[in-house]
Amino acid sequence: MKVWQSLQAGDIVDVISPGSSSLPEDVQRSLELLQSWGLKPRLPKETFSPHPFHSNDDDIRFALLKKALLAKDSKVIWCLRGGYGANRLLPELAKLKTPAKSKLLVGYSDITSLHLYLGQKWKWTCLHGGLLETLVGGRLSPEQVEETRRVLFGEQTEVKFYLEPLNTPAQRLKKIQAPLVGGNLVVLSSTLGTKYQPKLQDHFLILEEVGERGYRIDRLFTQLEQSGILKGCRGVLLGDFLYGDEKDGTNFVKFATERFALTTKIPVFQGLQAGHGAWNRPVFLGTKSTLLHKNGEWTLTVPTGGKS
């Protein structure tokens, strides 16, 4: 994977909205956060226009994404929010040549489409972490927001997670090193059978989801298994799988995730602090990470892959 450059005070950050739209007050608070870190956020005035699904029409959203990707004066591209729409930009993105300069794309959820493409096609390190709206929305603790700042400024060079094994292959694991790939389960599944389908062999797959009922989670896991995409995957690391209640208030999401773990031969772990919940720590995709079982604990150490 290509090395990305850590931020310094005075650096320009390209702010984009490749999926859904944002409220003006959320945009303003997001820009103010970056400014409080000594950065210069750059948000084109044509970013937003009324649209039933997205922040703007496909051609405008792609033009702004392209401009940010190719800009020579910025190191980081930060997404305002997820929602829906990034996958519609992939056909035009596939027409671009890989830039000489590598950058870091920050986001999660719908941004999984871009993470998968840039990580596998351009060999860029990507950051599965707080969207700007997430960082200023009050859901994440100040400590998590500060951790995001530290890793982007090169003050923290790795992030450590404590995981829980969900099946026998995971319990038997001693030590594995592999890069991370993945993100949102629905978005990842939408790539199956397309030319944007990722290669999971010799990778850890991270997954998170929100608002999907148990049987739908089960269907998506079954699709992954039956597609053959999991062949050679070194392990599946589950982040938050939130909500998804049935009409009567019952919830079968946990049943679905545990059923997947007990029927697959791949090591499955839970507890990755990533997703739509109260924890969404920075997870660097593409850097070789270490999953270690020692003294009854399973730890995942993820390097940032940045260079000061």
Protein backbone atom coordinates (compact mmCIF):
# COMPACT_ATOMS: atom_id res chain seq x y z
CA MET A 1 0.00 0.00 0.00
CA LYS A 2 1.12 3.54 -0.72
CA VAL A 3 2.16 5.79 2.14
CA TRP A 4 0.05 8.84 2.92
CA GLN A 5 1.38 12.05 4.41
CA SER A 6 0.35 13.08 7.93
CA LEU A 7 -1.30 16.44 8.40
CA GLN A 8 0.32 19.59 9.71
CA ALA A 9 -1.17 22.90 10.76
CA GLY A 10 -2.03 24.95 7.69
CA ASP A 11 -2.73 21.94 5.45
CA ILE A 12 -5.70 21.94 3.10
CA VAL A 13 -8.36 19.24 3.58
CA ASP A 14 -10.72 18.59 0.68
CA VAL A 15 -14.26 18.12 2.05
CA ILE A 16 -16.62 16.13 -0.17
CA SER A 17 -20.16 14.79 -0.06
CA PRO A 18 -20.30 11.77 -2.41
CA GLY A 19 -23.49 10.35 -0.91
CA SER A 20 -26.40 11.99 0.85
CA SER A 21 -26.86 15.67 1.60
CA SER A 22 -26.20 17.54 4.84
CA LEU A 23 -27.88 20.23 6.88
CA PRO A 24 -26.19 23.66 6.70
CA GLU A 25 -25.57 23.72 10.45
CA ASP A 26 -23.82 20.33 10.31
CA VAL A 27 -21.63 21.52 7.47
CA GLN A 28 -20.68 24.66 9.38
CA ARG A 29 -19.76 22.76 12.54
CA SER A 30 -17.70 20.30 10.49
CA LEU A 31 -15.70 23.08 8.87
CA GLU A 32 -15.20 24.76 12.25
CA LEU A 33 -13.81 21.53 13.72
CA LEU A 34 -11.14 21.30 11.02
CA GLN A 35 -10.32 24.98 11.45
CA SER A 36 -9.93 24.46 15.21
CA TRP A 37 -7.22 21.91 14.37
CA GLY A 38 -5.34 24.51 12.34
CA LEU A 39 -6.45 23.06 9.01
CA LYS A 40 -7.92 24.75 5.94
CA PRO A 41 -11.09 22.92 4.86
CA ARG A 42 -12.00 23.32 1.18
CA LEU A 43 -15.66 22.77 0.34
CA PRO A 44 -16.72 23.79 -3.19
CA LYS A 45 -19.80 26.02 -3.27
CA GLU A 46 -21.49 23.74 -5.81
CA THR A 47 -21.40 20.72 -3.45
CA PHE A 48 -25.11 20.79 -2.62
CA SER A 49 -28.19 20.97 -4.78
CA PRO A 50 -31.75 19.67 -4.14
CA HIS A 51 -31.96 15.95 -4.95
CA PRO A 52 -34.22 13.18 -3.60
CA PHE A 53 -31.33 10.78 -2.89
CA HIS A 54 -27.99 12.54 -2.99
CA SER A 55 -26.17 15.78 -2.24
CA ASN A 56 -26.20 16.56 -5.96
CA ASP A 57 -26.47 14.93 -9.39
CA ASP A 58 -24.01 12.15 -10.21
CA ASP A 59 -21.97 14.25 -12.63
CA ILE A 60 -21.43 17.04 -10.09
CA ARG A 61 -20.59 14.67 -7.25
CA PHE A 62 -18.09 12.83 -9.42
CA ALA A 63 -16.52 16.05 -10.70
CA LEU A 64 -15.94 17.19 -7.11
CA LEU A 65 -14.60 13.78 -6.10
CA LYS A 66 -12.22 13.81 -9.06
CA LYS A 67 -11.05 17.32 -8.24
CA ALA A 68 -10.29 16.29 -4.66
CA LEU A 69 -8.51 13.08 -5.69
CA LEU A 70 -6.27 14.84 -8.18
CA ALA A 71 -5.61 18.08 -6.27
CA LYS A 72 -1.88 18.48 -5.70
CA ASP A 73 -2.16 20.76 -2.66
CA SER A 74 -4.10 18.51 -0.24
CA LYS A 75 -3.20 15.36 1.70
CA VAL A 76 -6.57 14.24 3.03
CA ILE A 77 -10.07 13.92 1.56
CA TRP A 78 -12.78 13.90 4.22
CA CYS A 79 -16.41 12.94 3.64
CA LEU A 80 -19.14 14.92 5.36
CA ARG A 81 -21.57 12.01 5.62
CA GLY A 82 -22.51 8.66 4.12
CA GLY A 83 -26.10 7.90 3.25
CA TYR A 84 -26.32 6.64 -0.31
CA GLY A 85 -24.69 7.38 -3.62
CA ALA A 86 -20.94 6.71 -3.65
CA ASN A 87 -21.34 3.47 -5.60
CA ARG A 88 -22.89 5.36 -8.51
CA LEU A 89 -19.58 7.19 -9.00
CA LEU A 90 -17.49 4.05 -9.54
CA PRO A 91 -17.89 3.72 -13.34
CA GLU A 92 -16.47 7.21 -13.89
CA LEU A 93 -13.84 6.70 -11.20
CA ALA A 94 -12.66 3.59 -13.06
CA LYS A 95 -11.78 5.78 -16.06
CA LEU A 96 -9.17 7.74 -14.09
CA LYS A 97 -5.49 6.85 -14.02
CA THR A 98 -4.00 6.27 -10.61
CA PRO A 99 -2.54 9.61 -9.41
CA ALA A 100 1.16 9.78 -8.62
CA LYS A 101 0.37 11.23 -5.20
CA SER A 102 -1.37 9.08 -2.60
CA LYS A 103 -3.91 10.63 -0.21
CA LEU A 104 -6.05 9.43 2.65
CA LEU A 105 -9.82 9.15 2.21
CA VAL A 106 -11.73 9.36 5.51
CA GLY A 107 -15.26 8.05 6.05
CA TYR A 108 -17.34 4.91 6.57
CA SER A 109 -20.76 3.41 5.83
CA ASP A 110 -21.67 4.34 2.22
CA ILE A 111 -18.06 5.45 1.70
CA THR A 112 -17.17 1.74 1.75
CA SER A 113 -17.65 1.78 -2.04
CA LEU A 114 -14.81 4.27 -2.43
CA HIS A 115 -12.62 2.58 0.17
CA LEU A 116 -12.86 -0.73 -1.67
CA TYR A 117 -12.02 0.80 -5.04
CA LEU A 118 -9.18 3.08 -3.93
CA GLY A 119 -7.68 0.42 -1.70
CA GLN A 120 -7.68 -2.41 -4.23
CA LYS A 121 -7.25 -0.54 -7.52
CA TRP A 122 -5.06 2.41 -6.50
CA LYS A 123 -3.39 0.73 -3.49
CA TRP A 124 -4.24 3.69 -1.28
CA THR A 125 -4.52 3.37 2.47
CA CYS A 126 -8.02 4.45 3.51
CA LEU A 127 -9.40 5.39 6.91
CA HIS A 128 -12.62 3.73 8.06
CA GLY A 129 -13.49 6.33 10.66
CA GLY A 130 -15.60 9.27 11.64
CA LEU A 131 -17.37 11.20 8.96
CA LEU A 132 -17.18 14.90 9.70
CA GLU A 133 -20.83 14.97 10.72
CA THR A 134 -20.18 12.05 13.07
CA LEU A 135 -17.31 13.85 14.79
CA VAL A 136 -19.39 16.97 15.49
CA GLY A 137 -22.71 15.21 16.14
CA GLY A 138 -22.10 14.44 19.80
CA ARG A 139 -22.37 10.65 19.49
CA LEU A 140 -18.63 10.03 19.82
CA SER A 141 -16.70 10.90 22.95
CA PRO A 142 -14.21 13.78 22.93
CA GLU A 143 -11.48 11.16 23.43
CA GLN A 144 -12.41 9.44 20.16
CA VAL A 145 -12.44 12.73 18.27
CA GLU A 146 -9.03 13.51 19.71
CA GLU A 147 -7.70 10.07 18.73
CA THR A 148 -8.78 10.76 15.15
CA ARG A 149 -6.88 14.03 15.22
CA ARG A 150 -3.78 12.35 16.65
CA VAL A 151 -3.57 9.65 13.99
CA LEU A 152 -4.09 12.14 11.17
CA PHE A 153 -1.36 14.42 12.51
CA GLY A 154 1.06 11.51 12.94
CA GLU A 155 1.08 11.72 16.73
CA GLN A 156 -0.27 8.15 17.06
CA THR A 157 1.08 5.47 14.73
CA GLU A 158 -1.17 2.53 15.60
CA VAL A 159 -4.63 1.73 16.99
CA LYS A 160 -5.23 -1.29 19.21
CA PHE A 161 -8.49 -3.22 19.66
CA TYR A 162 -9.47 -6.02 22.03
CA LEU A 163 -11.61 -8.65 20.33
CA GLU A 164 -13.76 -11.63 21.36
CA PRO A 165 -13.65 -14.92 19.42
CA LEU A 166 -17.02 -16.21 18.22
CA ASN A 167 -16.07 -19.64 16.88
CA THR A 168 -13.55 -22.44 17.30
CA PRO A 169 -11.23 -21.31 14.44
CA ALA A 170 -10.95 -17.92 16.17
CA GLN A 171 -10.24 -19.49 19.57
CA ARG A 172 -7.42 -21.56 18.06
CA LEU A 173 -5.76 -18.57 16.45
CA LYS A 174 -2.33 -17.63 17.77
CA LYS A 175 -1.03 -14.91 15.48
CA ILE A 176 -1.99 -13.69 12.02
CA GLN A 177 -0.78 -10.69 10.05
CA ALA A 178 -2.86 -9.35 7.18
CA PRO A 179 -4.23 -6.06 5.85
CA LEU A 180 -7.80 -5.00 6.56
CA VAL A 181 -10.51 -4.54 3.96
CA GLY A 182 -14.25 -3.98 4.16
CA GLY A 183 -16.71 -1.76 5.95
CA ASN A 184 -20.48 -1.72 5.61
CA LEU A 185 -22.02 -5.15 4.99
CA VAL A 186 -24.80 -4.01 2.63
CA VAL A 187 -22.43 -1.85 0.58
CA LEU A 188 -19.87 -4.64 0.33
CA SER A 189 -22.56 -7.11 -0.72
CA SER A 190 -23.73 -4.74 -3.45
CA THR A 191 -20.36 -5.19 -5.19
CA LEU A 192 -20.75 -8.95 -5.59
CA GLY A 193 -20.90 -9.98 -9.22
CA THR A 194 -19.62 -6.59 -10.39
CA LYS A 195 -16.14 -5.60 -11.51
CA TYR A 196 -15.81 -3.70 -8.23
CA GLN A 197 -16.03 -6.86 -6.15
CA PRO A 198 -13.04 -6.87 -3.79
CA LYS A 199 -10.52 -9.63 -3.28
CA LEU A 200 -10.58 -10.87 0.30
CA GLN A 201 -7.93 -13.56 0.04
CA ASP A 202 -5.15 -13.04 2.61
CA HIS A 203 -7.06 -10.13 4.17
CA PHE A 204 -9.00 -9.53 7.36
CA LEU A 205 -12.58 -8.55 6.51
CA ILE A 206 -14.19 -5.93 8.75
CA LEU A 207 -17.97 -5.59 8.74
CA GLU A 208 -20.54 -3.33 10.40
CA GLU A 209 -24.21 -2.60 9.79
CA VAL A 210 -27.13 -0.56 11.08
CA GLY A 211 -30.91 -0.82 10.78
CA GLU A 212 -31.04 -4.25 9.11
CA ARG A 213 -33.27 -6.92 10.65
CA GLY A 214 -31.86 -10.28 11.64
CA TYR A 215 -33.10 -12.27 8.65
CA ARG A 216 -31.60 -9.67 6.29
CA ILE A 217 -28.24 -9.90 8.05
CA ASP A 218 -28.47 -13.68 7.77
CA ARG A 219 -29.26 -13.38 4.04
CA LEU A 220 -26.23 -11.13 3.47
CA PHE A 221 -23.88 -13.46 5.33
CA THR A 222 -25.27 -16.41 3.36
CA GLN A 223 -24.69 -14.50 0.13
CA LEU A 224 -21.06 -13.86 1.09
CA GLU A 225 -20.52 -17.55 1.83
CA GLN A 226 -22.24 -18.81 -1.31
CA SER A 227 -20.49 -16.30 -3.58
CA GLY A 228 -17.09 -17.78 -2.73
CA ILE A 229 -15.67 -14.34 -1.95
CA LEU A 230 -14.62 -15.46 1.54
CA LYS A 231 -12.23 -18.11 0.22
CA GLY A 232 -8.79 -17.43 1.65
CA CYS A 233 -10.03 -14.69 3.99
CA ARG A 234 -7.87 -14.71 7.14
CA GLY A 235 -10.62 -13.65 9.50
CA VAL A 236 -13.87 -11.69 9.83
CA LEU A 237 -13.90 -8.88 12.39
CA LEU A 238 -17.33 -7.62 13.36
CA GLY A 239 -17.98 -4.07 14.44
CA ASP A 240 -21.39 -2.75 15.51
CA PHE A 241 -24.55 -4.39 14.20
CA LEU A 242 -27.17 -2.03 15.55
CA TYR A 243 -30.95 -1.79 15.74
CA GLY A 244 -32.85 -4.00 13.28
CA ASP A 245 -35.71 -4.68 15.70
CA GLU A 246 -38.73 -6.67 14.55
CA LYS A 247 -42.18 -5.09 14.73
CA ASP A 248 -42.82 -6.68 18.12
CA GLY A 249 -39.55 -5.36 19.53
CA THR A 250 -37.62 -8.62 19.37
CA ASN A 251 -34.21 -8.62 17.72
CA PHE A 252 -32.45 -11.47 15.90
CA VAL A 253 -29.34 -9.65 14.72
CA LYS A 254 -27.16 -11.35 17.33
CA PHE A 255 -28.62 -14.72 16.31
CA ALA A 256 -27.66 -13.99 12.70
CA THR A 257 -24.08 -13.00 13.46
CA GLU A 258 -23.54 -15.94 15.80
CA ARG A 259 -25.10 -18.33 13.28
CA PHE A 260 -22.65 -17.12 10.65
CA ALA A 261 -19.72 -17.56 13.03
CA LEU A 262 -20.75 -21.11 13.98
CA THR A 263 -21.24 -22.28 10.38
CA THR A 264 -18.15 -20.80 8.72
CA LYS A 265 -14.63 -22.21 8.85
CA ILE A 266 -13.14 -18.72 8.95
CA PRO A 267 -12.14 -17.19 12.31
CA VAL A 268 -14.82 -14.70 13.38
CA PHE A 269 -14.36 -12.08 16.07
CA GLN A 270 -16.61 -9.40 17.51
CA GLY A 271 -15.86 -6.23 19.43
CA LEU A 272 -14.20 -4.07 16.77
CA GLN A 273 -15.01 -0.55 17.93
CA ALA A 274 -16.27 0.63 14.56
CA GLY A 275 -19.65 1.44 13.09
CA HIS A 276 -22.74 3.54 13.73
CA GLY A 277 -22.73 3.30 17.52
CA ALA A 278 -21.08 5.15 20.36
CA TRP A 279 -17.68 3.80 19.28
CA ASN A 280 -16.17 4.51 15.88
CA ARG A 281 -12.43 4.50 16.32
CA PRO A 282 -10.09 4.95 13.34
CA VAL A 283 -9.42 1.71 11.44
CA PHE A 284 -6.81 1.97 8.69
CA LEU A 285 -7.64 -0.21 5.71
CA GLY A 286 -4.81 -1.68 3.69
CA THR A 287 -2.02 -1.60 6.29
CA LYS A 288 -0.70 -4.96 7.49
CA SER A 289 -2.25 -5.50 10.91
CA THR A 290 -1.53 -8.08 13.60
CA LEU A 291 -4.13 -10.23 15.36
CA LEU A 292 -2.50 -11.85 18.39
CA HIS A 293 -3.77 -14.29 21.03
CA LYS A 294 -1.72 -14.00 24.21
CA ASN A 295 -2.56 -14.63 27.86
CA GLY A 296 -6.23 -15.17 27.09
CA GLU A 297 -6.61 -11.92 25.15
CA TRP A 298 -7.07 -11.36 21.43
CA THR A 299 -5.69 -8.02 20.30
CA LEU A 300 -5.71 -6.39 16.90
CA THR A 301 -2.99 -3.83 16.27
CA VAL A 302 -3.58 -1.62 13.23
CA PRO A 303 -0.75 0.65 12.00
CA THR A 304 -1.79 3.97 10.50
CA GLY A 305 0.48 3.62 7.48
CA GLY A 306 1.19 7.36 7.48
CA LYS A 307 4.44 9.28 7.17
CA SER A 308 5.21 12.53 8.92
